Amino acid sequence: MGRRTLVAVARADGRYDCRYAHWGVDADPVAQSRPLGGDWTGAAVLDALDATYERLVVRDEAVRTYAVCWLDPGLSDFDDVALARSDDLEALRDWWVDRREAAVRAVDAGRPPERVRTDLLAALRKRAAAVNLPDDASFLRGGR
């Protein structure tokens, strides 16, 4: 199974050159990915992300990696994602998959999807070092 990763390389003009990796990236996200195109805004980077991606890697003065966490417990809205940072991204991802599966089961058992989603996002905010929703691209400009 692939580990779809969007790589956003910051440019001096505040825009991004974006790249794609199907099997994820390790030490060198640029060398391990292929070009998607340049001149993307921060909002365009986030608009490109959906639940089919596993990670977002932002390369500016440093390399920051975010887990793409699908929030929709109804499993129908692919754009309903949050981006989470952690010192241990693998552990966060494993924890997240378990939490999301429990959320899906809760909806199947009759809990209101909106409430389950709210609880899921709250749990993610407690677990991750930072959580960003894709309606605000400001976190791309800085080390958060």
N, C-alpha and C. Protein backbone atom coordinates (compact mmCIF):
# COMPACT_ATOMS: atom_id res chain seq x y z
N MET A 1 0.84 -1.18 0.00
CA MET A 1 0.00 0.00 0.00
C MET A 1 0.88 1.24 0.00
N GLY A 2 0.51 2.23 -0.76
CA GLY A 2 1.29 3.44 -0.88
C GLY A 2 1.19 4.33 0.35
N ARG A 3 2.09 5.25 0.43
CA ARG A 3 2.09 6.26 1.50
C ARG A 3 2.13 7.61 0.81
N ARG A 4 1.01 7.98 0.19
CA ARG A 4 0.95 9.19 -0.61
C ARG A 4 1.38 10.40 0.21
N THR A 5 2.32 11.14 -0.35
CA THR A 5 2.88 12.30 0.32
C THR A 5 2.93 13.47 -0.64
N LEU A 6 2.43 14.62 -0.18
CA LEU A 6 2.56 15.86 -0.92
C LEU A 6 3.73 16.61 -0.31
N VAL A 7 4.67 17.01 -1.14
CA VAL A 7 5.86 17.75 -0.69
C VAL A 7 5.74 19.17 -1.22
N ALA A 8 5.75 20.15 -0.31
CA ALA A 8 5.66 21.56 -0.68
C ALA A 8 6.98 22.22 -0.35
N VAL A 9 7.67 22.68 -1.38
CA VAL A 9 8.98 23.32 -1.21
C VAL A 9 8.77 24.83 -1.32
N ALA A 10 9.04 25.52 -0.22
CA ALA A 10 8.83 26.97 -0.18
C ALA A 10 9.80 27.69 -1.10
N ARG A 11 9.27 28.72 -1.76
CA ARG A 11 10.10 29.57 -2.61
C ARG A 11 10.28 30.92 -1.94
N ALA A 12 11.24 31.68 -2.37
CA ALA A 12 11.52 33.00 -1.78
C ALA A 12 10.34 33.96 -1.94
N ASP A 13 9.50 33.76 -2.95
CA ASP A 13 8.37 34.66 -3.19
C ASP A 13 7.12 34.29 -2.39
N GLY A 14 7.24 33.30 -1.47
CA GLY A 14 6.11 32.92 -0.64
C GLY A 14 5.20 31.87 -1.25
N ARG A 15 5.53 31.42 -2.45
CA ARG A 15 4.76 30.38 -3.10
C ARG A 15 5.50 29.05 -2.94
N TYR A 16 4.95 27.99 -3.53
CA TYR A 16 5.53 26.66 -3.33
C TYR A 16 5.66 25.93 -4.65
N ASP A 17 6.73 25.13 -4.74
CA ASP A 17 6.85 24.13 -5.79
C ASP A 17 6.40 22.84 -5.14
N CYS A 18 5.45 22.16 -5.77
CA CYS A 18 4.91 20.95 -5.15
C CYS A 18 5.37 19.70 -5.87
N ARG A 19 5.50 18.65 -5.08
CA ARG A 19 6.00 17.37 -5.56
C ARG A 19 5.12 16.28 -4.96
N TYR A 20 5.19 15.10 -5.54
CA TYR A 20 4.37 13.98 -5.09
C TYR A 20 5.25 12.74 -4.93
N ALA A 21 5.00 12.01 -3.86
CA ALA A 21 5.67 10.73 -3.65
C ALA A 21 4.61 9.69 -3.30
N HIS A 22 4.61 8.59 -3.99
CA HIS A 22 3.61 7.55 -3.73
C HIS A 22 4.01 6.66 -2.55
N TRP A 23 5.29 6.48 -2.35
CA TRP A 23 5.75 5.58 -1.29
C TRP A 23 6.31 6.34 -0.10
N GLY A 24 5.97 7.61 0.04
CA GLY A 24 6.46 8.39 1.16
C GLY A 24 7.87 8.88 0.92
N VAL A 25 8.38 9.62 1.88
CA VAL A 25 9.73 10.17 1.79
C VAL A 25 10.43 10.00 3.13
N ASP A 26 11.76 9.98 3.06
CA ASP A 26 12.56 9.88 4.27
C ASP A 26 13.51 11.07 4.34
N ALA A 27 14.78 10.83 4.16
CA ALA A 27 15.81 11.86 4.38
C ALA A 27 15.73 13.02 3.39
N ASP A 28 15.45 12.76 2.12
CA ASP A 28 15.45 13.81 1.11
C ASP A 28 14.12 13.82 0.37
N PRO A 29 13.15 14.62 0.84
CA PRO A 29 11.83 14.61 0.23
C PRO A 29 11.82 15.06 -1.23
N VAL A 30 12.76 15.90 -1.63
CA VAL A 30 12.79 16.35 -3.02
C VAL A 30 13.28 15.22 -3.93
N ALA A 31 14.36 14.57 -3.55
CA ALA A 31 14.90 13.50 -4.37
C ALA A 31 13.95 12.31 -4.44
N GLN A 32 13.13 12.12 -3.42
CA GLN A 32 12.24 10.97 -3.36
C GLN A 32 10.84 11.27 -3.90
N SER A 33 10.69 12.38 -4.60
CA SER A 33 9.37 12.75 -5.12
C SER A 33 9.51 13.26 -6.54
N ARG A 34 8.36 13.37 -7.21
CA ARG A 34 8.38 13.87 -8.59
C ARG A 34 7.59 15.18 -8.65
N PRO A 35 7.96 16.05 -9.57
CA PRO A 35 7.33 17.37 -9.65
C PRO A 35 5.84 17.30 -10.01
N LEU A 36 5.08 18.14 -9.35
CA LEU A 36 3.66 18.35 -9.71
C LEU A 36 3.47 19.70 -10.36
N GLY A 37 4.37 20.62 -10.09
CA GLY A 37 4.27 21.95 -10.66
C GLY A 37 4.67 23.00 -9.65
N GLY A 38 4.95 24.18 -10.16
CA GLY A 38 5.39 25.27 -9.32
C GLY A 38 4.34 26.34 -9.20
N ASP A 39 4.69 27.35 -8.42
CA ASP A 39 3.87 28.55 -8.28
C ASP A 39 2.54 28.29 -7.57
N TRP A 40 2.54 27.42 -6.58
CA TRP A 40 1.34 27.15 -5.79
C TRP A 40 1.27 28.12 -4.62
N THR A 41 0.09 28.58 -4.28
CA THR A 41 -0.11 29.34 -3.06
C THR A 41 -0.22 28.37 -1.89
N GLY A 42 -0.12 28.88 -0.68
CA GLY A 42 -0.33 28.03 0.49
C GLY A 42 -1.72 27.42 0.48
N ALA A 43 -2.72 28.22 0.10
CA ALA A 43 -4.09 27.71 0.04
C ALA A 43 -4.22 26.60 -0.99
N ALA A 44 -3.53 26.72 -2.12
CA ALA A 44 -3.59 25.68 -3.15
C ALA A 44 -2.95 24.39 -2.67
N VAL A 45 -1.88 24.51 -1.88
CA VAL A 45 -1.25 23.32 -1.31
C VAL A 45 -2.27 22.58 -0.45
N LEU A 46 -2.94 23.31 0.42
CA LEU A 46 -3.90 22.68 1.32
C LEU A 46 -5.14 22.19 0.58
N ASP A 47 -5.55 22.89 -0.46
CA ASP A 47 -6.69 22.43 -1.27
C ASP A 47 -6.40 21.10 -1.95
N ALA A 48 -5.14 20.85 -2.25
CA ALA A 48 -4.77 19.60 -2.93
C ALA A 48 -4.84 18.39 -2.00
N LEU A 49 -4.79 18.63 -0.69
CA LEU A 49 -4.80 17.52 0.26
C LEU A 49 -6.20 17.01 0.51
N ASP A 50 -6.30 15.71 0.61
CA ASP A 50 -7.55 15.07 1.03
C ASP A 50 -7.19 13.78 1.75
N ALA A 51 -8.19 13.01 2.09
CA ALA A 51 -7.97 11.80 2.89
C ALA A 51 -7.18 10.71 2.17
N THR A 52 -6.94 10.88 0.88
CA THR A 52 -6.14 9.88 0.18
C THR A 52 -4.64 10.08 0.40
N TYR A 53 -4.26 11.22 0.99
CA TYR A 53 -2.86 11.47 1.34
C TYR A 53 -2.60 11.02 2.77
N GLU A 54 -1.38 10.56 3.02
CA GLU A 54 -0.99 10.19 4.37
C GLU A 54 -0.19 11.30 5.04
N ARG A 55 0.58 12.06 4.24
CA ARG A 55 1.46 13.07 4.82
C ARG A 55 1.58 14.31 3.93
N LEU A 56 1.89 15.40 4.61
CA LEU A 56 2.32 16.63 3.95
C LEU A 56 3.71 16.93 4.49
N VAL A 57 4.67 17.14 3.60
CA VAL A 57 6.02 17.54 3.99
C VAL A 57 6.23 18.96 3.47
N VAL A 58 6.60 19.85 4.36
CA VAL A 58 6.88 21.23 3.99
C VAL A 58 8.38 21.45 4.16
N ARG A 59 9.01 21.89 3.09
CA ARG A 59 10.44 22.18 3.16
C ARG A 59 10.65 23.66 2.94
N ASP A 60 11.11 24.32 3.98
CA ASP A 60 11.52 25.71 3.87
C ASP A 60 12.90 25.78 4.52
N GLU A 61 13.09 26.56 5.56
CA GLU A 61 14.40 26.55 6.22
C GLU A 61 14.64 25.25 6.96
N ALA A 62 13.61 24.47 7.17
CA ALA A 62 13.68 23.15 7.80
C ALA A 62 12.72 22.23 7.05
N VAL A 63 12.64 21.00 7.46
CA VAL A 63 11.67 20.05 6.90
C VAL A 63 10.68 19.71 8.01
N ARG A 64 9.40 19.96 7.76
CA ARG A 64 8.34 19.65 8.73
C ARG A 64 7.38 18.66 8.08
N THR A 65 7.01 17.64 8.83
CA THR A 65 6.12 16.61 8.31
C THR A 65 4.84 16.59 9.14
N TYR A 66 3.72 16.53 8.44
CA TYR A 66 2.40 16.50 9.05
C TYR A 66 1.67 15.23 8.64
N ALA A 67 1.00 14.61 9.57
CA ALA A 67 0.10 13.49 9.24
C ALA A 67 -1.22 14.08 8.76
N VAL A 68 -1.74 13.54 7.68
CA VAL A 68 -3.06 13.94 7.20
C VAL A 68 -4.07 13.02 7.87
N CYS A 69 -4.93 13.59 8.70
CA CYS A 69 -5.87 12.81 9.50
C CYS A 69 -7.29 13.06 9.02
N TRP A 70 -7.94 12.01 8.55
CA TRP A 70 -9.30 12.09 8.03
C TRP A 70 -10.27 12.16 9.20
N LEU A 71 -11.04 13.25 9.26
CA LEU A 71 -11.93 13.48 10.38
C LEU A 71 -13.33 12.93 10.19
N ASP A 72 -13.78 12.74 8.97
CA ASP A 72 -15.17 12.37 8.72
C ASP A 72 -15.46 10.93 9.15
N PRO A 73 -16.23 10.73 10.24
CA PRO A 73 -16.52 9.37 10.70
C PRO A 73 -17.52 8.65 9.80
N GLY A 74 -18.12 9.39 8.88
CA GLY A 74 -19.03 8.77 7.92
C GLY A 74 -18.31 8.26 6.68
N LEU A 75 -17.03 8.57 6.59
CA LEU A 75 -16.16 8.12 5.50
C LEU A 75 -16.68 8.52 4.12
N SER A 76 -17.25 9.72 4.03
CA SER A 76 -17.75 10.16 2.74
C SER A 76 -17.13 11.48 2.27
N ASP A 77 -16.66 12.33 3.19
CA ASP A 77 -16.11 13.63 2.83
C ASP A 77 -14.59 13.55 2.85
N PHE A 78 -14.00 13.30 1.68
CA PHE A 78 -12.55 13.13 1.58
C PHE A 78 -11.78 14.41 1.91
N ASP A 79 -12.45 15.58 1.84
CA ASP A 79 -11.77 16.84 2.11
C ASP A 79 -11.76 17.21 3.59
N ASP A 80 -12.44 16.45 4.42
CA ASP A 80 -12.52 16.74 5.85
C ASP A 80 -11.31 16.16 6.56
N VAL A 81 -10.21 16.92 6.53
CA VAL A 81 -8.95 16.45 7.11
C VAL A 81 -8.37 17.49 8.06
N ALA A 82 -7.49 17.04 8.91
CA ALA A 82 -6.67 17.91 9.75
C ALA A 82 -5.22 17.48 9.55
N LEU A 83 -4.32 18.40 9.79
CA LEU A 83 -2.89 18.13 9.66
C LEU A 83 -2.28 18.17 11.05
N ALA A 84 -1.62 17.08 11.43
CA ALA A 84 -1.11 16.95 12.79
C ALA A 84 0.40 16.75 12.79
N ARG A 85 1.06 17.43 13.73
CA ARG A 85 2.50 17.27 13.93
C ARG A 85 2.75 16.54 15.23
N SER A 86 3.84 15.78 15.24
CA SER A 86 4.22 15.02 16.43
C SER A 86 5.70 14.70 16.35
N ASP A 87 6.31 14.50 17.51
CA ASP A 87 7.71 14.05 17.52
C ASP A 87 7.83 12.62 17.02
N ASP A 88 6.76 11.85 17.15
CA ASP A 88 6.74 10.46 16.69
C ASP A 88 5.55 10.28 15.76
N LEU A 89 5.76 10.62 14.50
CA LEU A 89 4.67 10.61 13.52
C LEU A 89 4.12 9.21 13.29
N GLU A 90 4.97 8.20 13.33
CA GLU A 90 4.50 6.82 13.14
C GLU A 90 3.54 6.41 14.26
N ALA A 91 3.91 6.71 15.50
CA ALA A 91 3.03 6.38 16.63
C ALA A 91 1.73 7.15 16.55
N LEU A 92 1.82 8.43 16.16
CA LEU A 92 0.60 9.22 16.00
C LEU A 92 -0.29 8.62 14.93
N ARG A 93 0.30 8.21 13.83
CA ARG A 93 -0.48 7.64 12.73
C ARG A 93 -1.17 6.34 13.18
N ASP A 94 -0.46 5.47 13.87
CA ASP A 94 -1.06 4.23 14.36
C ASP A 94 -2.21 4.52 15.32
N TRP A 95 -1.98 5.44 16.25
CA TRP A 95 -3.02 5.84 17.18
C TRP A 95 -4.22 6.41 16.44
N TRP A 96 -3.95 7.23 15.43
CA TRP A 96 -5.02 7.87 14.68
C TRP A 96 -5.89 6.84 13.94
N VAL A 97 -5.27 5.89 13.32
CA VAL A 97 -6.04 4.86 12.59
C VAL A 97 -6.98 4.13 13.56
N ASP A 98 -6.48 3.79 14.74
CA ASP A 98 -7.34 3.13 15.74
C ASP A 98 -8.48 4.03 16.17
N ARG A 99 -8.20 5.31 16.41
CA ARG A 99 -9.25 6.25 16.83
C ARG A 99 -10.29 6.45 15.75
N ARG A 100 -9.84 6.56 14.52
CA ARG A 100 -10.79 6.77 13.41
C ARG A 100 -11.68 5.55 13.24
N GLU A 101 -11.11 4.35 13.35
CA GLU A 101 -11.93 3.14 13.24
C GLU A 101 -12.96 3.07 14.37
N ALA A 102 -12.58 3.48 15.58
CA ALA A 102 -13.53 3.53 16.70
C ALA A 102 -14.62 4.56 16.41
N ALA A 103 -14.27 5.67 15.80
CA ALA A 103 -15.25 6.70 15.45
C ALA A 103 -16.25 6.18 14.43
N VAL A 104 -15.77 5.46 13.45
CA VAL A 104 -16.67 4.87 12.44
C VAL A 104 -17.63 3.90 13.11
N ARG A 105 -17.12 3.08 14.02
CA ARG A 105 -17.98 2.13 14.73
C ARG A 105 -19.02 2.87 15.58
N ALA A 106 -18.63 3.99 16.18
CA ALA A 106 -19.57 4.76 17.00
C ALA A 106 -20.71 5.31 16.15
N VAL A 107 -20.41 5.78 14.95
CA VAL A 107 -21.46 6.26 14.04
C VAL A 107 -22.34 5.10 13.62
N ASP A 108 -21.74 3.98 13.31
CA ASP A 108 -22.52 2.79 12.94
C ASP A 108 -23.46 2.35 14.07
N ALA A 109 -23.04 2.61 15.32
CA ALA A 109 -23.85 2.24 16.48
C ALA A 109 -24.93 3.28 16.80
N GLY A 110 -24.95 4.39 16.05
CA GLY A 110 -26.02 5.36 16.23
C GLY A 110 -25.63 6.71 16.81
N ARG A 111 -24.36 6.92 17.17
CA ARG A 111 -23.95 8.24 17.67
C ARG A 111 -24.00 9.25 16.54
N PRO A 112 -24.39 10.48 16.81
CA PRO A 112 -24.45 11.52 15.76
C PRO A 112 -23.07 11.77 15.16
N PRO A 113 -22.94 11.74 13.85
CA PRO A 113 -21.63 11.93 13.21
C PRO A 113 -20.96 13.25 13.58
N GLU A 114 -21.74 14.33 13.74
CA GLU A 114 -21.14 15.62 14.08
C GLU A 114 -20.47 15.56 15.46
N ARG A 115 -21.12 14.89 16.40
CA ARG A 115 -20.56 14.77 17.76
C ARG A 115 -19.31 13.88 17.75
N VAL A 116 -19.36 12.81 16.99
CA VAL A 116 -18.21 11.90 16.90
C VAL A 116 -17.02 12.64 16.27
N ARG A 117 -17.28 13.43 15.24
CA ARG A 117 -16.22 14.20 14.60
C ARG A 117 -15.61 15.20 15.58
N THR A 118 -16.45 15.89 16.34
CA THR A 118 -15.97 16.86 17.33
C THR A 118 -15.09 16.17 18.36
N ASP A 119 -15.51 15.02 18.84
CA ASP A 119 -14.72 14.27 19.82
C ASP A 119 -13.40 13.78 19.21
N LEU A 120 -13.45 13.37 17.96
CA LEU A 120 -12.26 12.88 17.27
C LEU A 120 -11.22 14.01 17.13
N LEU A 121 -11.68 15.19 16.73
CA LEU A 121 -10.77 16.33 16.60
C LEU A 121 -10.20 16.74 17.95
N ALA A 122 -11.03 16.72 18.99
CA ALA A 122 -10.55 17.06 20.34
C ALA A 122 -9.48 16.07 20.80
N ALA A 123 -9.68 14.79 20.54
CA ALA A 123 -8.69 13.78 20.92
C ALA A 123 -7.38 14.00 20.16
N LEU A 124 -7.48 14.34 18.89
CA LEU A 124 -6.28 14.60 18.09
C LEU A 124 -5.53 15.81 18.63
N ARG A 125 -6.25 16.85 19.00
CA ARG A 125 -5.60 18.05 19.55
C ARG A 125 -4.89 17.76 20.86
N LYS A 126 -5.40 16.83 21.65
CA LYS A 126 -4.73 16.45 22.90
C LYS A 126 -3.48 15.63 22.64
N ARG A 127 -3.50 14.82 21.60
CA ARG A 127 -2.42 13.87 21.33
C ARG A 127 -1.26 14.47 20.54
N ALA A 128 -1.56 15.31 19.57
CA ALA A 128 -0.54 15.85 18.67
C ALA A 128 0.09 17.11 19.25
N ALA A 129 1.29 17.41 18.80
CA ALA A 129 1.97 18.63 19.23
C ALA A 129 1.29 19.86 18.64
N ALA A 130 0.74 19.74 17.44
CA ALA A 130 0.01 20.82 16.79
C ALA A 130 -0.98 20.21 15.80
N VAL A 131 -2.13 20.83 15.68
CA VAL A 131 -3.15 20.40 14.72
C VAL A 131 -3.61 21.63 13.94
N ASN A 132 -3.60 21.52 12.63
CA ASN A 132 -4.03 22.61 11.77
C ASN A 132 -5.12 22.12 10.83
N LEU A 133 -6.12 22.95 10.66
CA LEU A 133 -7.17 22.64 9.69
C LEU A 133 -6.82 23.33 8.38
N PRO A 134 -7.23 22.75 7.26
CA PRO A 134 -6.81 23.29 5.97
C PRO A 134 -7.51 24.58 5.54
N ASP A 135 -8.25 25.21 6.43
CA ASP A 135 -8.85 26.50 6.06
C ASP A 135 -7.94 27.67 6.42
N ASP A 136 -6.74 27.37 6.93
CA ASP A 136 -5.79 28.42 7.30
C ASP A 136 -4.39 27.97 6.92
N ALA A 137 -3.85 28.57 5.88
CA ALA A 137 -2.53 28.18 5.37
C ALA A 137 -1.40 28.89 6.10
N SER A 138 -1.71 29.70 7.09
CA SER A 138 -0.66 30.50 7.75
C SER A 138 0.40 29.64 8.42
N PHE A 139 0.05 28.44 8.88
CA PHE A 139 1.05 27.59 9.55
C PHE A 139 2.14 27.13 8.59
N LEU A 140 1.89 27.23 7.28
CA LEU A 140 2.93 26.84 6.33
C LEU A 140 4.12 27.79 6.38
N ARG A 141 3.88 29.01 6.81
CA ARG A 141 4.94 30.02 6.89
C ARG A 141 5.48 30.08 8.32
N GLY A 142 6.30 29.15 8.66
CA GLY A 142 6.89 29.14 9.99
C GLY A 142 7.01 27.73 10.51
N GLY A 143 7.60 27.57 11.64
CA GLY A 143 7.93 26.26 12.14
C GLY A 143 6.91 25.61 13.04
N ARG A 144 5.63 25.98 12.98
CA ARG A 144 4.63 25.36 13.86
C ARG A 144 4.34 23.95 13.46
